[in-house]
């Protein structure tokens, strides 16, 4: 097995294991609370003045970053599954 393929399979297994951990579930719940707070403060509260625009935009960025963080493992899993499939198909053709 190719070293690169082996590393991808190891990373895939590690990420799958991460998503099964009770600690990951706790972290996700914490993140949901953090994003809900920002939605309430930014999306559901009208801007009171022009001066309040910058802090609101900052909180929008925080919301986007927190949301992205929790999607990273699943997105990377999908990417690795595709890459592994492609590499294995290529190896099978080369045999």
Protein backbone atom coordinates (compact mmCIF):
# COMPACT_ATOMS: atom_id res chain seq x y z
CA UNK A 1 0.00 0.00 0.00
CA UNK A 2 1.25 3.44 -0.91
CA UNK A 3 2.48 5.53 2.06
CA UNK A 4 0.24 8.42 1.04
CA UNK A 5 -2.79 6.12 0.89
CA UNK A 6 -1.90 4.66 4.27
CA UNK A 7 -1.70 8.15 5.80
CA UNK A 8 -5.06 9.11 4.29
CA UNK A 9 -6.69 5.97 5.71
CA UNK A 10 -5.19 6.67 9.13
CA UNK A 11 -6.45 10.27 9.07
CA UNK A 12 -9.89 9.06 7.98
CA UNK A 13 -10.05 6.58 10.87
CA UNK A 14 -8.86 9.23 13.34
CA UNK A 15 -11.56 11.67 12.22
CA UNK A 16 -14.27 9.01 12.39
CA UNK A 17 -13.10 8.15 15.90
CA UNK A 18 -13.14 11.83 16.86
CA UNK A 19 -16.79 12.16 15.86
CA UNK A 20 -17.69 9.17 18.05
CA UNK A 21 -16.18 10.66 21.21
CA UNK A 22 -18.55 11.94 23.91
CA UNK A 23 -16.26 14.96 24.25
CA UNK A 24 -16.90 15.88 20.62
CA UNK A 25 -20.65 15.88 21.28
CA UNK A 26 -20.11 18.17 24.28
CA UNK A 27 -18.01 20.51 22.18
CA UNK A 28 -20.68 20.59 19.45
CA UNK A 29 -23.35 21.47 22.03
CA UNK A 30 -21.14 24.24 23.37
CA UNK A 31 -20.62 25.53 19.84
CA UNK A 32 -24.36 25.52 19.19
CA UNK A 33 -24.82 27.70 22.26
CA UNK A 34 -22.13 30.07 21.04
CA UNK A 35 -23.64 30.37 17.57
CA UNK A 36 -27.17 30.80 18.95
CA UNK A 37 -25.93 33.68 21.09
CA UNK A 38 -24.42 35.36 18.04
CA UNK A 39 -27.53 34.80 15.94
CA UNK A 40 -29.64 36.45 18.63
CA UNK A 41 -27.24 39.39 18.95
CA UNK A 42 -26.57 39.92 15.27
CA UNK A 43 -29.22 38.45 13.02
CA UNK A 44 -32.26 39.06 15.17
CA UNK A 45 -31.31 42.44 16.62
CA UNK A 46 -31.44 45.50 14.39
CA UNK A 47 -28.37 47.70 14.28
CA UNK A 48 -29.02 50.73 16.47
CA UNK A 49 -26.40 52.99 14.90
CA UNK A 50 -23.67 53.13 12.32
CA UNK A 51 -21.14 52.69 15.14
CA UNK A 52 -22.73 49.35 16.03
CA UNK A 53 -22.12 47.99 12.52
CA UNK A 54 -18.48 47.01 13.06
CA UNK A 55 -19.14 44.93 16.21
CA UNK A 56 -22.05 43.23 14.43
CA UNK A 57 -19.85 42.38 11.47
CA UNK A 58 -17.22 41.01 13.84
CA UNK A 59 -19.83 38.74 15.47
CA UNK A 60 -20.96 37.55 12.02
CA UNK A 61 -17.37 36.49 11.37
CA UNK A 62 -17.25 34.68 14.70
CA UNK A 63 -20.49 32.88 13.84
CA UNK A 64 -19.10 31.81 10.47
CA UNK A 65 -15.85 30.60 12.01
CA UNK A 66 -17.52 28.61 14.78
CA UNK A 67 -19.95 27.04 12.32
CA UNK A 68 -17.13 26.10 9.94
CA UNK A 69 -15.05 24.54 12.71
CA UNK A 70 -17.75 22.00 13.52
CA UNK A 71 -18.19 21.07 9.86
CA UNK A 72 -14.48 20.50 9.24
CA UNK A 73 -14.25 16.84 10.36
CA UNK A 74 -17.24 15.71 8.28
CA UNK A 75 -16.06 17.70 5.27
CA UNK A 76 -12.57 16.24 5.56
CA UNK A 77 -14.01 12.72 5.93
CA UNK A 78 -15.93 13.15 2.68
CA UNK A 79 -12.84 14.50 0.96
CA UNK A 80 -10.65 11.64 2.21
CA UNK A 81 -13.21 9.01 1.19
CA UNK A 82 -13.19 10.40 -2.35
CA UNK A 83 -9.40 10.65 -2.48
CA UNK A 84 -8.95 7.11 -1.16
CA UNK A 85 -11.41 5.79 -3.71
CA UNK A 86 -9.55 7.53 -6.54
CA UNK A 87 -6.12 6.31 -5.39
CA UNK A 88 -7.35 2.73 -4.93
CA UNK A 89 -8.96 2.72 -8.38
CA UNK A 90 -5.70 4.03 -9.86
CA UNK A 91 -3.70 1.33 -8.04
CA UNK A 92 -6.08 -1.36 -9.31
CA UNK A 93 -5.63 -0.14 -12.89
CA UNK A 94 -1.86 -0.15 -12.49
CA UNK A 95 -1.82 -3.80 -11.34
